[in-house]
Amino acid sequence: MRQQVVAGPLQDQEWCLLVGSSAASTKLRQLLPAIQLALTQSGAQVNAIRIKVQMPGR
């Protein structure tokens, strides 16, 4: 999974994660509550996480 996800920009407390496939996007959406909780516990100022599918070569 880690190979499919690239950290995108953080703008206005919204973090964008870029993924390489729709399957990875689906799995990542299932993990969003745990990711959000981990970020909050570590003190990160992220209020929302957006996922964008970015096909290789684009």
N, C-alpha and C. Protein backbone atom coordinates (compact mmCIF):
# COMPACT_ATOMS: atom_id res chain seq x y z
N MET A 1 0.83 -1.19 0.00
CA MET A 1 0.00 0.00 0.00
C MET A 1 0.87 1.25 0.00
N ARG A 2 1.94 1.23 0.77
CA ARG A 2 2.80 2.40 0.90
C ARG A 2 3.36 2.84 -0.45
N GLN A 3 3.60 1.90 -1.35
CA GLN A 3 4.12 2.22 -2.68
C GLN A 3 3.09 2.94 -3.54
N GLN A 4 1.82 2.81 -3.21
CA GLN A 4 0.75 3.41 -3.99
C GLN A 4 0.39 4.83 -3.55
N VAL A 5 0.89 5.26 -2.37
CA VAL A 5 0.47 6.54 -1.80
C VAL A 5 1.63 7.53 -1.79
N VAL A 6 1.35 8.75 -2.25
CA VAL A 6 2.33 9.84 -2.22
C VAL A 6 1.69 11.00 -1.47
N ALA A 7 2.44 11.57 -0.53
CA ALA A 7 1.93 12.72 0.21
C ALA A 7 1.86 13.92 -0.72
N GLY A 8 0.69 14.51 -0.77
CA GLY A 8 0.48 15.70 -1.59
C GLY A 8 0.55 16.94 -0.72
N PRO A 9 0.04 18.04 -1.23
CA PRO A 9 0.14 19.32 -0.51
C PRO A 9 -0.79 19.39 0.71
N LEU A 10 -0.38 20.23 1.64
CA LEU A 10 -1.19 20.55 2.82
C LEU A 10 -1.59 22.02 2.68
N GLN A 11 -2.89 22.26 2.50
CA GLN A 11 -3.38 23.62 2.32
C GLN A 11 -4.59 23.85 3.22
N ASP A 12 -4.52 24.90 4.00
CA ASP A 12 -5.64 25.28 4.88
C ASP A 12 -6.10 24.12 5.74
N GLN A 13 -5.17 23.41 6.32
CA GLN A 13 -5.43 22.27 7.21
C GLN A 13 -6.12 21.11 6.51
N GLU A 14 -6.01 21.05 5.19
CA GLU A 14 -6.52 19.93 4.40
C GLU A 14 -5.34 19.28 3.69
N TRP A 15 -5.17 17.98 3.89
CA TRP A 15 -4.04 17.26 3.34
C TRP A 15 -4.53 16.43 2.17
N CYS A 16 -3.83 16.48 1.07
CA CYS A 16 -4.17 15.72 -0.11
C CYS A 16 -3.20 14.54 -0.24
N LEU A 17 -3.74 13.34 -0.37
CA LEU A 17 -2.95 12.15 -0.61
C LEU A 17 -3.19 11.69 -2.03
N LEU A 18 -2.11 11.44 -2.76
CA LEU A 18 -2.21 11.00 -4.15
C LEU A 18 -1.98 9.50 -4.20
N VAL A 19 -2.89 8.79 -4.85
CA VAL A 19 -2.77 7.33 -4.93
C VAL A 19 -2.72 6.91 -6.39
N GLY A 20 -2.12 5.74 -6.64
CA GLY A 20 -1.89 5.29 -7.99
C GLY A 20 -2.98 4.45 -8.61
N SER A 21 -4.00 4.09 -7.84
CA SER A 21 -5.08 3.27 -8.41
C SER A 21 -6.37 3.48 -7.62
N SER A 22 -7.47 3.11 -8.25
CA SER A 22 -8.75 3.25 -7.56
C SER A 22 -8.87 2.22 -6.43
N ALA A 23 -8.23 1.06 -6.58
CA ALA A 23 -8.25 0.06 -5.51
C ALA A 23 -7.54 0.59 -4.27
N ALA A 24 -6.39 1.24 -4.47
CA ALA A 24 -5.66 1.82 -3.34
C ALA A 24 -6.48 2.95 -2.71
N SER A 25 -7.19 3.70 -3.53
CA SER A 25 -8.04 4.77 -3.02
C SER A 25 -9.14 4.22 -2.12
N THR A 26 -9.75 3.14 -2.53
CA THR A 26 -10.82 2.51 -1.74
C THR A 26 -10.29 2.03 -0.40
N LYS A 27 -9.15 1.36 -0.41
CA LYS A 27 -8.57 0.86 0.84
C LYS A 27 -8.18 2.03 1.74
N LEU A 28 -7.60 3.07 1.17
CA LEU A 28 -7.19 4.23 1.95
C LEU A 28 -8.38 4.92 2.59
N ARG A 29 -9.49 4.99 1.87
CA ARG A 29 -10.71 5.60 2.43
C ARG A 29 -11.20 4.83 3.66
N GLN A 30 -11.01 3.51 3.65
CA GLN A 30 -11.38 2.70 4.82
C GLN A 30 -10.49 3.01 6.01
N LEU A 31 -9.25 3.41 5.73
CA LEU A 31 -8.29 3.68 6.80
C LEU A 31 -8.31 5.14 7.27
N LEU A 32 -9.08 6.00 6.63
CA LEU A 32 -9.08 7.42 6.97
C LEU A 32 -9.35 7.73 8.45
N PRO A 33 -10.32 7.08 9.10
CA PRO A 33 -10.53 7.39 10.52
C PRO A 33 -9.28 7.11 11.37
N ALA A 34 -8.59 6.02 11.11
CA ALA A 34 -7.38 5.69 11.87
C ALA A 34 -6.25 6.67 11.56
N ILE A 35 -6.13 7.06 10.30
CA ILE A 35 -5.10 8.03 9.92
C ILE A 35 -5.37 9.37 10.59
N GLN A 36 -6.62 9.81 10.54
CA GLN A 36 -7.00 11.08 11.15
C GLN A 36 -6.73 11.07 12.65
N LEU A 37 -7.06 9.97 13.31
CA LEU A 37 -6.81 9.85 14.74
C LEU A 37 -5.31 9.91 15.06
N ALA A 38 -4.51 9.21 14.28
CA ALA A 38 -3.06 9.22 14.49
C ALA A 38 -2.48 10.62 14.29
N LEU A 39 -2.97 11.34 13.29
CA LEU A 39 -2.50 12.71 13.06
C LEU A 39 -2.89 13.62 14.22
N THR A 40 -4.11 13.49 14.70
CA THR A 40 -4.58 14.32 15.82
C THR A 40 -3.77 14.04 17.07
N GLN A 41 -3.51 12.76 17.34
CA GLN A 41 -2.75 12.40 18.54
C GLN A 41 -1.30 12.87 18.47
N SER A 42 -0.77 13.01 17.25
CA SER A 42 0.61 13.48 17.12
C SER A 42 0.70 15.00 17.09
N GLY A 43 -0.46 15.66 17.15
CA GLY A 43 -0.46 17.12 17.20
C GLY A 43 -0.53 17.81 15.85
N ALA A 44 -0.76 17.06 14.79
CA ALA A 44 -0.84 17.65 13.45
C ALA A 44 -2.12 18.48 13.32
N GLN A 45 -2.02 19.57 12.61
CA GLN A 45 -3.15 20.47 12.39
C GLN A 45 -3.82 20.13 11.06
N VAL A 46 -4.38 18.93 10.95
CA VAL A 46 -5.06 18.48 9.74
C VAL A 46 -6.51 18.23 10.08
N ASN A 47 -7.40 19.00 9.46
CA ASN A 47 -8.83 18.85 9.72
C ASN A 47 -9.53 17.94 8.71
N ALA A 48 -8.92 17.77 7.53
CA ALA A 48 -9.53 16.95 6.49
C ALA A 48 -8.43 16.30 5.66
N ILE A 49 -8.74 15.14 5.13
CA ILE A 49 -7.83 14.44 4.24
C ILE A 49 -8.59 14.16 2.94
N ARG A 50 -7.99 14.58 1.84
CA ARG A 50 -8.59 14.39 0.52
C ARG A 50 -7.74 13.37 -0.23
N ILE A 51 -8.37 12.48 -0.95
CA ILE A 51 -7.67 11.46 -1.70
C ILE A 51 -7.92 11.68 -3.19
N LYS A 52 -6.83 11.72 -3.95
CA LYS A 52 -6.94 11.89 -5.40
C LYS A 52 -6.23 10.73 -6.08
N VAL A 53 -6.89 10.12 -7.06
CA VAL A 53 -6.27 9.06 -7.84
C VAL A 53 -5.47 9.74 -8.95
N GLN A 54 -4.20 9.42 -9.00
CA GLN A 54 -3.31 9.99 -10.00
C GLN A 54 -2.63 8.83 -10.71
N MET A 55 -3.07 8.58 -11.92
CA MET A 55 -2.52 7.46 -12.68
C MET A 55 -1.06 7.73 -13.04
N PRO A 56 -0.24 6.70 -13.08
CA PRO A 56 1.18 6.87 -13.44
C PRO A 56 1.31 7.52 -14.83
N GLY A 57 2.28 8.40 -14.94
CA GLY A 57 2.51 9.08 -16.20
C GLY A 57 1.70 10.33 -16.42
N ARG A 58 0.94 10.71 -15.41
CA ARG A 58 0.12 11.92 -15.54
C ARG A 58 0.56 12.97 -14.58
